[in-house]
Protein backbone atom coordinates (compact mmCIF):
# COMPACT_ATOMS: atom_id res chain seq x y z
CA MET A 1 155.44 29.61 -62.71
CA ARG A 2 152.39 30.73 -60.34
CA LYS A 3 152.44 34.50 -62.31
CA SER A 4 151.95 32.64 -65.61
CA VAL A 5 149.15 30.90 -64.74
CA LEU A 6 148.27 33.92 -63.33
CA TYR A 7 149.18 35.85 -66.62
CA PHE A 8 147.01 33.43 -68.72
CA LEU A 9 144.45 33.48 -66.83
CA PHE A 10 143.75 37.12 -66.88
CA LEU A 11 144.39 37.05 -70.70
CA PHE A 12 141.24 34.34 -70.63
CA ILE A 13 138.99 36.25 -68.64
CA ILE A 14 139.91 39.29 -71.46
CA SER A 15 139.39 36.85 -74.08
CA GLU A 16 135.71 35.63 -72.58
CA ASP A 17 134.67 39.13 -71.91
CA LYS A 18 135.66 40.16 -75.06
CA ALA A 19 134.18 37.40 -76.80
CA GLN A 20 130.64 38.44 -76.92
CA GLN A 21 131.35 41.83 -77.91
CA PHE A 22 131.83 43.20 -81.40
CA PRO A 23 134.95 45.76 -82.67
CA GLN A 24 134.15 48.77 -80.95
CA TYR A 25 136.33 51.66 -82.38
CA THR A 26 137.12 55.04 -81.16
CA GLN A 27 135.95 56.74 -84.50
CA PHE A 28 132.35 55.49 -84.33
CA ILE A 29 131.23 58.46 -85.96
CA PHE A 30 133.57 58.33 -88.67
CA ASN A 31 133.05 54.50 -88.77
CA LYS A 32 129.10 55.35 -88.35
CA ILE A 33 127.71 52.60 -91.02
CA GLY A 34 129.46 49.53 -89.52
CA TYR A 35 127.35 50.78 -86.10
CA ASN A 36 123.96 51.17 -87.55
CA PRO A 37 122.96 50.24 -91.61
CA ALA A 38 120.46 53.00 -91.50
CA ALA A 39 123.89 55.26 -91.58
CA SER A 40 124.72 54.07 -94.89
CA GLY A 41 123.70 56.79 -97.74
CA THR A 42 122.45 59.60 -95.70
CA ALA A 43 124.02 62.29 -97.70
CA VAL A 44 121.52 62.91 -100.66
CA ASN A 45 124.26 64.72 -102.62
CA ALA A 46 126.71 62.09 -102.05
CA PRO A 47 126.91 59.55 -104.33
CA PHE A 48 129.29 56.73 -103.24
CA GLU A 49 131.66 56.15 -100.15
CA ILE A 50 134.23 53.85 -99.19
CA ILE A 51 135.64 53.36 -95.77
CA PHE A 52 138.72 51.36 -94.57
CA GLY A 53 139.80 51.13 -91.29
CA ALA A 54 142.25 49.12 -88.83
CA ARG A 55 142.55 48.72 -84.82
CA THR A 56 145.22 47.16 -82.71
CA GLN A 57 144.65 47.14 -79.33
CA TRP A 58 147.16 46.77 -76.44
CA ILE A 59 150.47 46.93 -78.88
CA GLY A 60 152.93 44.72 -78.03
CA LEU A 61 151.08 42.24 -75.93
CA SER A 62 151.15 38.66 -77.27
CA ASN A 63 147.96 37.59 -79.31
CA ASN A 64 146.37 41.43 -78.70
CA PRO A 65 143.00 42.03 -80.08
CA LYS A 66 142.94 43.15 -83.82
CA SER A 67 139.91 44.62 -86.00
CA GLU A 68 139.58 45.78 -89.56
CA PHE A 69 137.01 46.80 -91.61
CA VAL A 70 135.96 48.05 -95.20
CA SER A 71 132.62 49.17 -96.66
CA PHE A 72 131.20 50.45 -99.88
CA ASN A 73 127.57 52.14 -100.66
CA TYR A 74 125.80 53.34 -103.18
CA ASN A 75 122.92 56.14 -103.34
CA PHE A 76 120.26 55.68 -105.90
CA VAL A 77 118.23 59.21 -105.89
CA PRO A 78 115.33 59.93 -107.92
CA GLN A 79 116.26 62.59 -110.67
CA ARG A 80 113.04 64.75 -109.73
CA SER A 81 111.66 63.74 -106.56
CA TYR A 82 113.95 63.22 -103.88
CA SER A 83 111.45 63.18 -100.83
CA HIS A 84 112.95 59.56 -100.46
CA TRP A 85 115.86 57.74 -101.60
CA HIS A 86 117.64 54.46 -101.66
CA ASN A 87 121.26 52.88 -100.56
CA VAL A 88 122.75 49.44 -101.19
CA GLY A 89 126.18 48.58 -99.58
CA MET A 90 128.65 45.75 -98.40
CA TYR A 91 130.51 45.79 -95.50
CA VAL A 92 133.04 43.57 -94.13
CA ASP A 93 135.02 43.28 -91.01
CA GLN A 94 137.22 41.07 -89.23
CA ASP A 95 137.95 40.85 -85.09
CA GLN A 96 140.53 38.56 -84.02
CA ASN A 97 141.15 38.13 -80.80
CA GLY A 98 144.18 35.10 -79.45
CA ASN A 99 143.45 32.46 -81.30
CA PHE A 100 139.87 33.40 -82.31
CA VAL A 101 139.02 34.85 -85.27
CA LYS A 102 135.87 36.02 -86.58
CA ASN A 103 134.71 37.40 -90.11
CA ASP A 104 131.66 39.35 -90.97
CA VAL A 105 130.07 39.68 -94.63
CA TRP A 106 126.97 41.62 -94.55
CA LEU A 107 125.10 43.08 -97.80
CA SER A 108 123.05 46.11 -97.00
CA TYR A 109 119.74 48.09 -97.73
CA THR A 110 118.75 51.30 -96.52
CA PHE A 111 115.70 53.69 -97.14
CA HIS A 112 115.79 57.34 -96.29
CA LEU A 113 112.45 59.39 -96.16
CA LEU A 114 112.69 62.75 -96.02
CA LEU A 115 110.35 64.08 -93.07
CA THR A 116 111.10 67.89 -93.35
CA LYS A 117 113.57 69.82 -95.58
CA LYS A 118 116.01 69.50 -92.82
CA ILE A 119 115.20 66.21 -91.37
CA VAL A 120 116.01 62.30 -92.66
CA LEU A 121 114.32 58.89 -91.29
CA SER A 122 116.34 56.31 -92.27
CA ALA A 123 115.23 52.28 -91.71
CA GLY A 124 118.40 49.77 -93.07
CA LEU A 125 119.42 46.23 -92.96
CA PHE A 126 122.37 44.00 -92.99
CA ALA A 127 122.11 40.66 -94.24
CA GLY A 128 125.14 38.20 -94.49
CA ILE A 129 126.93 35.60 -92.98
CA LYS A 130 129.25 35.43 -89.95
CA GLN A 131 132.51 32.99 -90.38
CA TYR A 132 134.27 31.98 -86.90
CA LYS A 133 137.91 30.34 -87.26
CA LEU A 134 140.21 28.88 -84.66
CA THR A 135 143.99 29.52 -84.84
CA LEU A 136 145.88 26.95 -83.67
CA ASN A 137 149.30 28.52 -83.67
CA ASN A 138 149.63 28.51 -79.77
CA LEU A 139 147.50 25.83 -78.88
CA ASP A 140 148.68 22.13 -78.36
CA ARG A 141 147.41 19.75 -81.08
CA ASN A 142 147.30 16.88 -79.15
CA ASP A 143 145.00 18.82 -76.71
CA PRO A 144 141.21 16.43 -77.31
CA ALA A 145 139.49 19.63 -76.80
CA VAL A 146 141.31 21.30 -79.67
CA MET A 147 141.18 18.60 -81.80
CA LYS A 148 137.15 18.21 -81.54
CA SER A 149 137.06 22.20 -82.22
CA SER A 150 136.40 22.77 -85.78
CA GLY A 151 138.91 25.16 -87.67
CA SER A 152 136.16 27.41 -89.24
CA VAL A 153 132.64 27.25 -89.16
CA ILE A 154 129.87 29.68 -91.09
CA ALA A 155 126.73 30.64 -89.47
CA TYR A 156 123.88 32.08 -91.26
CA PRO A 157 121.43 34.15 -91.59
CA ASP A 158 122.90 37.01 -89.90
CA LEU A 159 120.65 39.95 -89.99
CA VAL A 160 121.26 43.27 -88.37
CA PRO A 161 118.47 46.20 -88.24
CA GLY A 162 118.41 49.78 -87.66
CA VAL A 163 117.08 52.86 -87.57
CA ARG A 164 118.14 56.78 -87.45
CA LEU A 165 116.92 60.06 -87.66
CA SER A 166 119.07 62.71 -88.80
CA SER A 167 119.49 66.41 -89.62
CA LYS A 168 122.88 68.56 -90.08
CA LYS A 169 123.02 69.64 -86.51
CA PHE A 170 122.23 66.27 -84.51
CA PHE A 171 121.47 62.16 -85.03
CA ALA A 172 120.02 59.74 -82.90
CA ASP A 173 119.88 56.21 -84.08
CA PHE A 174 119.64 51.95 -82.67
CA SER A 175 120.67 48.95 -84.22
CA LEU A 176 120.43 45.29 -82.84
CA GLN A 177 122.95 42.67 -83.49
CA GLN A 178 123.23 38.74 -83.24
CA ILE A 179 119.33 38.55 -83.14
CA THR A 180 119.04 35.18 -85.43
CA LEU A 181 122.25 33.99 -84.46
CA PHE A 182 122.44 31.49 -81.19
CA SER A 183 126.02 29.47 -81.09
CA GLN A 184 129.21 29.79 -82.63
CA SER A 185 127.88 27.06 -85.26
CA GLY A 186 127.02 25.88 -88.52
CA ILE A 187 128.30 24.87 -92.01
CA GLY A 188 131.59 23.10 -90.64
CA GLY A 189 130.52 22.15 -87.09
CA GLN A 190 131.08 24.01 -83.64
CA ASN A 191 134.16 26.30 -82.94
CA GLY A 192 135.29 26.53 -79.60
CA SER A 193 132.69 26.14 -76.75
CA PRO A 194 128.82 25.52 -77.29
CA SER A 195 127.94 29.17 -75.55
CA LYS A 196 124.96 30.71 -76.49
CA LEU A 197 125.50 34.18 -78.56
CA LEU A 198 123.48 36.65 -76.84
CA PRO A 199 121.48 39.65 -78.79
CA HIS A 200 123.20 43.30 -78.61
CA TYR A 201 121.60 46.49 -78.90
CA ASN A 202 124.08 49.58 -80.45
CA ILE A 203 122.59 53.28 -79.23
CA SER A 204 124.18 56.90 -80.80
CA ALA A 205 123.49 60.02 -80.77
CA GLY A 206 125.24 63.41 -81.36
CA LYS A 207 124.89 66.86 -81.74
CA LYS A 208 126.83 69.68 -83.75
CA ILE A 209 127.32 73.11 -82.89
CA LYS A 210 128.38 76.17 -84.99
CA LEU A 211 130.90 78.19 -83.31
CA ASN A 212 131.60 80.76 -86.15
CA ASP A 213 132.09 80.75 -90.10
CA TYR A 214 135.69 78.08 -89.24
CA ASN A 215 134.69 76.12 -86.27
CA THR A 216 132.04 73.20 -85.47
CA PHE A 217 131.89 71.98 -82.12
CA MET A 218 130.53 68.18 -82.24
CA VAL A 219 129.94 65.84 -79.15
CA ALA A 220 128.52 62.34 -79.64
CA THR A 221 128.04 59.32 -77.68
CA ASN A 222 127.63 55.69 -77.93
CA LEU A 223 126.08 52.93 -75.67
CA ARG A 224 126.83 49.38 -76.90
CA GLY A 225 126.17 45.78 -74.85
CA SER A 226 124.58 42.57 -74.51
CA VAL A 227 120.91 42.33 -73.32
CA THR A 228 122.21 40.82 -69.82
CA ALA A 229 125.20 42.75 -69.40
CA LEU A 230 126.40 46.64 -68.09
CA PRO A 231 126.74 48.41 -71.76
CA SER A 232 130.01 50.02 -72.70
CA VAL A 233 129.54 53.97 -72.89
CA GLU A 234 131.94 56.40 -74.93
CA LEU A 235 132.24 60.20 -75.15
CA ASN A 236 133.88 61.95 -78.39
CA VAL A 237 133.97 65.49 -78.38
CA MET A 238 135.55 67.18 -81.58
CA ASN A 239 136.49 70.43 -83.10
CA TYR A 240 136.48 70.67 -86.78
CA TYR A 241 137.99 73.55 -88.19
CA ASP A 242 137.32 74.60 -92.13
CA LYS A 243 136.37 71.62 -93.15
CA LYS A 244 139.85 70.67 -93.81
CA LEU A 245 141.00 69.43 -89.94
CA ALA A 246 139.97 68.11 -86.64
CA PHE A 247 140.99 67.79 -82.97
CA GLY A 248 139.36 65.68 -80.69
CA ALA A 249 139.11 63.37 -77.10
CA SER A 250 137.34 60.50 -76.00
CA ILE A 251 136.70 58.91 -73.17
CA ARG A 252 135.32 54.74 -73.03
CA GLY A 253 134.05 54.18 -69.53
CA ARG A 254 137.17 53.73 -67.25
CA ASN A 255 139.20 51.52 -69.64
CA PHE A 256 140.59 54.45 -72.45
CA LEU A 257 141.46 58.22 -72.82
CA CYS A 258 141.65 58.61 -76.39
CA ALA A 259 143.10 61.77 -78.73
CA ILE A 260 141.80 61.88 -82.21
CA VAL A 261 142.79 63.74 -85.18
CA GLN A 262 141.58 63.75 -89.01
CA PHE A 263 142.30 65.84 -91.79
CA ARG A 264 141.28 65.80 -95.59
CA VAL A 265 144.14 65.29 -98.01
CA LEU A 266 142.18 65.82 -101.08
CA ARG A 267 138.32 67.05 -102.38
CA ASN A 268 137.08 63.48 -101.76
CA PHE A 269 140.18 62.04 -99.28
CA ASN A 270 140.39 61.43 -95.43
CA ILE A 271 142.28 60.49 -92.88
CA GLY A 272 141.38 59.42 -89.22
CA LEU A 273 143.69 58.74 -86.68
CA ALA A 274 143.01 57.91 -82.93
CA TYR A 275 145.28 56.56 -80.05
CA ASP A 276 143.80 55.18 -76.92
CA PHE A 277 145.85 55.40 -73.41
CA SER A 278 144.90 52.62 -71.47
CA ILE A 279 143.72 53.57 -67.52
CA ASN A 280 142.56 50.50 -66.06
CA LYS A 281 145.10 47.66 -64.98
CA MET A 282 146.66 47.26 -68.23
CA LEU A 283 148.26 50.39 -68.14
CA TYR A 284 151.03 48.33 -66.34
CA ALA A 285 151.25 45.78 -69.61
CA ALA A 286 150.12 46.96 -72.84
CA PRO A 287 148.52 50.53 -72.78
CA HIS A 288 148.85 51.58 -76.19
CA THR A 289 146.31 50.96 -78.50
CA ALA A 290 146.03 52.76 -82.17
CA GLU A 291 143.59 53.24 -84.64
CA VAL A 292 143.32 54.46 -88.44
CA MET A 293 140.84 54.95 -90.81
CA ILE A 294 140.60 56.49 -94.51
CA SER A 295 137.50 57.22 -96.60
CA ILE A 296 136.94 58.11 -100.31
CA SER A 297 134.38 60.54 -99.59
CA PRO A 298 132.83 64.38 -100.11
CA ILE A 299 131.76 64.04 -96.57
CA PHE A 300 133.90 65.52 -93.64
CA GLY A 301 132.78 65.64 -90.27
CA GLY A 302 129.05 65.86 -91.24
CA GLU A 303 130.17 68.55 -93.96
CA MET A 304 130.16 67.84 -97.73
CA SER A 305 133.23 69.45 -99.37
CA PRO A 306 132.32 71.35 -102.84
CA GLN A 307 131.41 69.20 -105.81
CA LYS A 308 130.76 69.46 -109.39
CA GLY A 309 127.65 69.90 -110.74
CA ASN A 310 124.19 70.84 -109.99
CA ARG A 311 123.28 70.10 -105.83
CA ARG A 312 119.96 69.56 -104.80
CA SER A 313 118.44 71.86 -102.70
CA LEU A 314 117.37 70.04 -99.57
CA ASP A 315 120.03 70.20 -97.03
CA ASP A 316 122.55 67.67 -96.20
CA CYS A 317 121.74 65.42 -93.59
CA THR A 318 125.54 63.86 -93.23
CA PHE A 319 125.81 64.27 -89.67
């Protein structure tokens, strides 16, 4: 009995810690749009992108965290002048942790300004809503606390601003989340406790080094967290071979060691797979985490695949 109580207390602590966090993906370069709206449409020669992704954490653990997303964006580039261009898109994701489910639906707008032939400054904004749901599958429906909690509420407006500086060799970006939402309440009542939602920040930076005509080495880091807590820090190291295949590794704080493989199947069809191994105390309970991402895009590893038609003369800032 005592072990069962301690086990559920441990899961509760994990849930509380995760509740103020956002979905976090090992392949954050692959899903760069989900981390910062300013990353949408950076490649002037790519007309559009469609990206799907899913992550299952601590496989085999009951009520384990699960995340998934889909995004679409489209570039509007002037025909005769491309010192600037516009991008619009949509991003939808779901994050489930135990009995709590959070859905985000965002529309995006991004403005890209060519500072030099090789450097682009981008500013973007997500605008949408959040839905909070409480599933009752594993809860006592006669519990007064459960009965008083709404099954679903919608909170708005949810605004996520971001900026990004990028070229073919480097990028640096910054975004803010949860700056206009303050509680898990809205249309429908209140979901769970009346706890406040803290503003979050997201900072990423990366560098590419061309080793030879076939191999490109990339290192990127992501730092994210709330304004009142220590951030989560992740480091990605990748090697891209001939714009078709990539292998890499990642480490996230003291929690995960990760392996990554990405490959291009067709000219505009890319797949990314990641496996995370827990190096914290979850090692003894459920150490395995899996992640998959698929994109329909001419971009792979920050490089454009050969495209039909005329290409614009400026360098693609596709990192």
